[in-house]
Amino acid sequence: MICSLFKGKLQKHQAFEAEISAHSNAIVELQENGEGMINECHYASSLIRVSLVILSLVHAANLLVESFLGAIFNYCQYYMHHLKM
C-alpha cells in the first residue's frame, strides 16, 4: 500500500518537474521582454517591474520546492529499496 501511494506521489512530482521545465523558457522570455519594455520607458514600467519581481519570486519558490521534493523522493526511494532487502 505504501509503495502504491509513494508511486502516485512520485508521478505527481515528476509532472510538477515537467511543468516547471516546460515553462522555464517562457519565463526567461517574459523577463527579457519586460526588461526591454522598462528600458524603453514603457508607460507601465513600474507595473511591469513589480510583475517581474513577483514572477521571479514565484519561479524561484517553485524551483526550491521542486528541489526539496526531489531530495525527499530520492531519500524515500533509497529507504524503500533497502527496506525490501
N, C-alpha and C. Protein backbone atom coordinates (compact mmCIF):
# COMPACT_ATOMS: atom_id res chain seq x y z
N MET A 1 0.82 -1.19 0.00
CA MET A 1 0.00 0.00 0.00
C MET A 1 0.87 1.26 0.00
N ILE A 2 1.91 1.27 0.84
CA ILE A 2 2.79 2.43 0.90
C ILE A 2 3.48 2.63 -0.44
N CYS A 3 3.88 1.53 -1.07
CA CYS A 3 4.56 1.64 -2.36
C CYS A 3 3.66 2.27 -3.41
N SER A 4 2.40 1.89 -3.45
CA SER A 4 1.50 2.47 -4.44
C SER A 4 1.23 3.94 -4.16
N LEU A 5 1.11 4.31 -2.89
CA LEU A 5 0.94 5.72 -2.54
C LEU A 5 2.17 6.52 -2.93
N PHE A 6 3.33 5.95 -2.64
CA PHE A 6 4.60 6.61 -2.97
C PHE A 6 4.72 6.79 -4.48
N LYS A 7 4.39 5.75 -5.23
CA LYS A 7 4.49 5.84 -6.69
C LYS A 7 3.57 6.92 -7.25
N GLY A 8 2.38 7.05 -6.68
CA GLY A 8 1.45 8.09 -7.11
C GLY A 8 2.01 9.48 -6.83
N LYS A 9 2.57 9.66 -5.64
CA LYS A 9 3.16 10.96 -5.28
C LYS A 9 4.38 11.26 -6.15
N LEU A 10 5.16 10.23 -6.44
CA LEU A 10 6.34 10.41 -7.28
C LEU A 10 5.92 10.84 -8.69
N GLN A 11 4.87 10.23 -9.22
CA GLN A 11 4.38 10.61 -10.55
C GLN A 11 3.90 12.06 -10.56
N LYS A 12 3.22 12.49 -9.49
CA LYS A 12 2.77 13.88 -9.41
C LYS A 12 3.97 14.82 -9.36
N HIS A 13 5.00 14.42 -8.62
CA HIS A 13 6.20 15.25 -8.55
C HIS A 13 6.88 15.34 -9.91
N GLN A 14 6.95 14.23 -10.61
CA GLN A 14 7.57 14.23 -11.94
C GLN A 14 6.79 15.12 -12.90
N ALA A 15 5.46 15.12 -12.77
CA ALA A 15 4.64 16.01 -13.60
C ALA A 15 4.91 17.47 -13.24
N PHE A 16 5.09 17.75 -11.95
CA PHE A 16 5.42 19.09 -11.48
C PHE A 16 6.76 19.54 -12.04
N GLU A 17 7.75 18.64 -12.01
CA GLU A 17 9.06 18.94 -12.59
C GLU A 17 8.95 19.26 -14.08
N ALA A 18 8.13 18.47 -14.78
CA ALA A 18 7.96 18.68 -16.22
C ALA A 18 7.31 20.03 -16.50
N GLU A 19 6.33 20.42 -15.69
CA GLU A 19 5.68 21.72 -15.85
C GLU A 19 6.67 22.86 -15.66
N ILE A 20 7.48 22.77 -14.62
CA ILE A 20 8.47 23.81 -14.37
C ILE A 20 9.46 23.89 -15.53
N SER A 21 9.91 22.75 -15.97
CA SER A 21 10.86 22.72 -17.09
C SER A 21 10.24 23.29 -18.37
N ALA A 22 8.99 22.92 -18.62
CA ALA A 22 8.32 23.38 -19.84
C ALA A 22 8.11 24.89 -19.84
N HIS A 23 7.96 25.49 -18.67
CA HIS A 23 7.68 26.92 -18.61
C HIS A 23 8.92 27.78 -18.37
N SER A 24 10.05 27.18 -18.14
CA SER A 24 11.26 27.94 -17.85
C SER A 24 11.64 28.89 -18.99
N ASN A 25 11.56 28.41 -20.22
CA ASN A 25 11.90 29.26 -21.37
C ASN A 25 10.93 30.42 -21.49
N ALA A 26 9.65 30.16 -21.25
CA ALA A 26 8.65 31.23 -21.33
C ALA A 26 8.90 32.29 -20.26
N ILE A 27 9.32 31.86 -19.09
CA ILE A 27 9.61 32.81 -18.00
C ILE A 27 10.81 33.68 -18.37
N VAL A 28 11.84 33.07 -18.91
CA VAL A 28 13.02 33.84 -19.33
C VAL A 28 12.62 34.84 -20.41
N GLU A 29 11.81 34.40 -21.36
CA GLU A 29 11.36 35.29 -22.43
C GLU A 29 10.53 36.45 -21.88
N LEU A 30 9.64 36.16 -20.94
CA LEU A 30 8.85 37.22 -20.30
C LEU A 30 9.73 38.23 -19.59
N GLN A 31 10.73 37.72 -18.88
CA GLN A 31 11.63 38.63 -18.18
C GLN A 31 12.40 39.52 -19.15
N GLU A 32 12.88 38.92 -20.24
CA GLU A 32 13.62 39.71 -21.24
C GLU A 32 12.73 40.76 -21.88
N ASN A 33 11.50 40.36 -22.25
CA ASN A 33 10.57 41.31 -22.85
C ASN A 33 10.21 42.43 -21.88
N GLY A 34 9.97 42.07 -20.65
CA GLY A 34 9.63 43.06 -19.63
C GLY A 34 10.76 44.04 -19.39
N GLU A 35 11.97 43.53 -19.29
CA GLU A 35 13.14 44.40 -19.10
C GLU A 35 13.33 45.31 -20.31
N GLY A 36 13.09 44.79 -21.50
CA GLY A 36 13.17 45.62 -22.70
C GLY A 36 12.15 46.75 -22.66
N MET A 37 10.94 46.44 -22.23
CA MET A 37 9.90 47.46 -22.14
C MET A 37 10.26 48.52 -21.09
N ILE A 38 10.83 48.07 -19.99
CA ILE A 38 11.24 49.02 -18.95
C ILE A 38 12.35 49.93 -19.48
N ASN A 39 13.32 49.34 -20.17
CA ASN A 39 14.43 50.12 -20.73
C ASN A 39 13.96 51.13 -21.77
N GLU A 40 12.85 50.82 -22.44
CA GLU A 40 12.30 51.73 -23.44
C GLU A 40 11.32 52.73 -22.81
N CYS A 41 11.27 52.76 -21.49
CA CYS A 41 10.40 53.70 -20.74
C CYS A 41 8.92 53.53 -21.09
N HIS A 42 8.48 52.28 -21.15
CA HIS A 42 7.06 51.99 -21.38
C HIS A 42 6.23 52.70 -20.32
N TYR A 43 5.03 53.14 -20.70
CA TYR A 43 4.20 53.89 -19.76
C TYR A 43 3.84 53.09 -18.50
N ALA A 44 3.87 51.77 -18.59
CA ALA A 44 3.54 50.92 -17.44
C ALA A 44 4.79 50.29 -16.84
N SER A 45 5.92 50.95 -16.96
CA SER A 45 7.19 50.39 -16.49
C SER A 45 7.16 49.99 -15.03
N SER A 46 6.53 50.79 -14.18
CA SER A 46 6.51 50.45 -12.75
C SER A 46 5.70 49.18 -12.51
N LEU A 47 4.59 49.02 -13.21
CA LEU A 47 3.78 47.80 -13.08
C LEU A 47 4.54 46.59 -13.64
N ILE A 48 5.21 46.79 -14.75
CA ILE A 48 6.00 45.71 -15.35
C ILE A 48 7.11 45.28 -14.39
N ARG A 49 7.77 46.25 -13.77
CA ARG A 49 8.87 45.96 -12.84
C ARG A 49 8.34 45.12 -11.66
N VAL A 50 7.21 45.53 -11.10
CA VAL A 50 6.62 44.78 -9.98
C VAL A 50 6.24 43.37 -10.42
N SER A 51 5.64 43.27 -11.60
CA SER A 51 5.24 41.95 -12.12
C SER A 51 6.45 41.04 -12.33
N LEU A 52 7.56 41.61 -12.79
CA LEU A 52 8.77 40.81 -13.00
C LEU A 52 9.34 40.33 -11.67
N VAL A 53 9.28 41.17 -10.65
CA VAL A 53 9.77 40.75 -9.33
C VAL A 53 8.91 39.60 -8.81
N ILE A 54 7.60 39.74 -8.93
CA ILE A 54 6.70 38.67 -8.48
C ILE A 54 6.95 37.40 -9.26
N LEU A 55 7.06 37.51 -10.57
CA LEU A 55 7.33 36.34 -11.42
C LEU A 55 8.62 35.66 -10.99
N SER A 56 9.64 36.45 -10.76
CA SER A 56 10.94 35.91 -10.35
C SER A 56 10.84 35.19 -9.00
N LEU A 57 10.13 35.79 -8.06
CA LEU A 57 9.99 35.16 -6.74
C LEU A 57 9.19 33.87 -6.80
N VAL A 58 8.12 33.86 -7.55
CA VAL A 58 7.30 32.65 -7.68
C VAL A 58 8.08 31.55 -8.38
N HIS A 59 8.81 31.91 -9.42
CA HIS A 59 9.62 30.91 -10.13
C HIS A 59 10.71 30.34 -9.20
N ALA A 60 11.36 31.21 -8.45
CA ALA A 60 12.40 30.74 -7.51
C ALA A 60 11.78 29.83 -6.45
N ALA A 61 10.60 30.18 -5.97
CA ALA A 61 9.93 29.33 -4.97
C ALA A 61 9.59 27.97 -5.56
N ASN A 62 9.11 27.95 -6.79
CA ASN A 62 8.80 26.67 -7.44
C ASN A 62 10.05 25.82 -7.62
N LEU A 63 11.16 26.44 -8.00
CA LEU A 63 12.41 25.69 -8.14
C LEU A 63 12.87 25.13 -6.79
N LEU A 64 12.70 25.92 -5.75
CA LEU A 64 13.08 25.47 -4.41
C LEU A 64 12.23 24.29 -3.97
N VAL A 65 10.93 24.38 -4.19
CA VAL A 65 10.02 23.29 -3.83
C VAL A 65 10.37 22.04 -4.64
N GLU A 66 10.61 22.22 -5.93
CA GLU A 66 10.98 21.09 -6.78
C GLU A 66 12.24 20.40 -6.26
N SER A 67 13.23 21.18 -5.90
CA SER A 67 14.49 20.65 -5.40
C SER A 67 14.28 19.91 -4.07
N PHE A 68 13.53 20.53 -3.18
CA PHE A 68 13.27 19.94 -1.88
C PHE A 68 12.50 18.63 -2.01
N LEU A 69 11.44 18.64 -2.82
CA LEU A 69 10.66 17.41 -3.00
C LEU A 69 11.47 16.34 -3.70
N GLY A 70 12.31 16.74 -4.65
CA GLY A 70 13.17 15.77 -5.32
C GLY A 70 14.09 15.06 -4.34
N ALA A 71 14.65 15.82 -3.41
CA ALA A 71 15.53 15.22 -2.40
C ALA A 71 14.74 14.27 -1.50
N ILE A 72 13.54 14.65 -1.12
CA ILE A 72 12.71 13.78 -0.28
C ILE A 72 12.38 12.49 -1.02
N PHE A 73 11.99 12.60 -2.29
CA PHE A 73 11.65 11.40 -3.05
C PHE A 73 12.87 10.52 -3.27
N ASN A 74 14.04 11.10 -3.48
CA ASN A 74 15.25 10.30 -3.61
C ASN A 74 15.54 9.54 -2.32
N TYR A 75 15.38 10.21 -1.19
CA TYR A 75 15.58 9.56 0.10
C TYR A 75 14.57 8.43 0.29
N CYS A 76 13.32 8.69 -0.05
CA CYS A 76 12.27 7.67 0.11
C CYS A 76 12.54 6.46 -0.78
N GLN A 77 12.99 6.70 -2.01
CA GLN A 77 13.31 5.59 -2.90
C GLN A 77 14.45 4.76 -2.32
N TYR A 78 15.46 5.42 -1.83
CA TYR A 78 16.59 4.73 -1.21
C TYR A 78 16.11 3.91 -0.02
N TYR A 79 15.32 4.53 0.84
CA TYR A 79 14.82 3.86 2.04
C TYR A 79 13.95 2.66 1.69
N MET A 80 13.05 2.84 0.71
CA MET A 80 12.16 1.73 0.34
C MET A 80 12.94 0.60 -0.32
N HIS A 81 13.97 0.93 -1.09
CA HIS A 81 14.79 -0.09 -1.71
C HIS A 81 15.49 -0.95 -0.65
N HIS A 82 16.03 -0.31 0.37
CA HIS A 82 16.74 -1.04 1.41
C HIS A 82 15.79 -1.68 2.41
N LEU A 83 14.59 -1.20 2.49
CA LEU A 83 13.60 -1.80 3.37
C LEU A 83 13.17 -3.16 2.84
N LYS A 84 13.14 -3.30 1.51
CA LYS A 84 12.74 -4.57 0.89
C LYS A 84 13.78 -5.65 1.07
N MET A 85 15.06 -5.24 1.30
CA MET A 85 16.14 -6.23 1.42
C MET A 85 16.13 -6.92 2.73
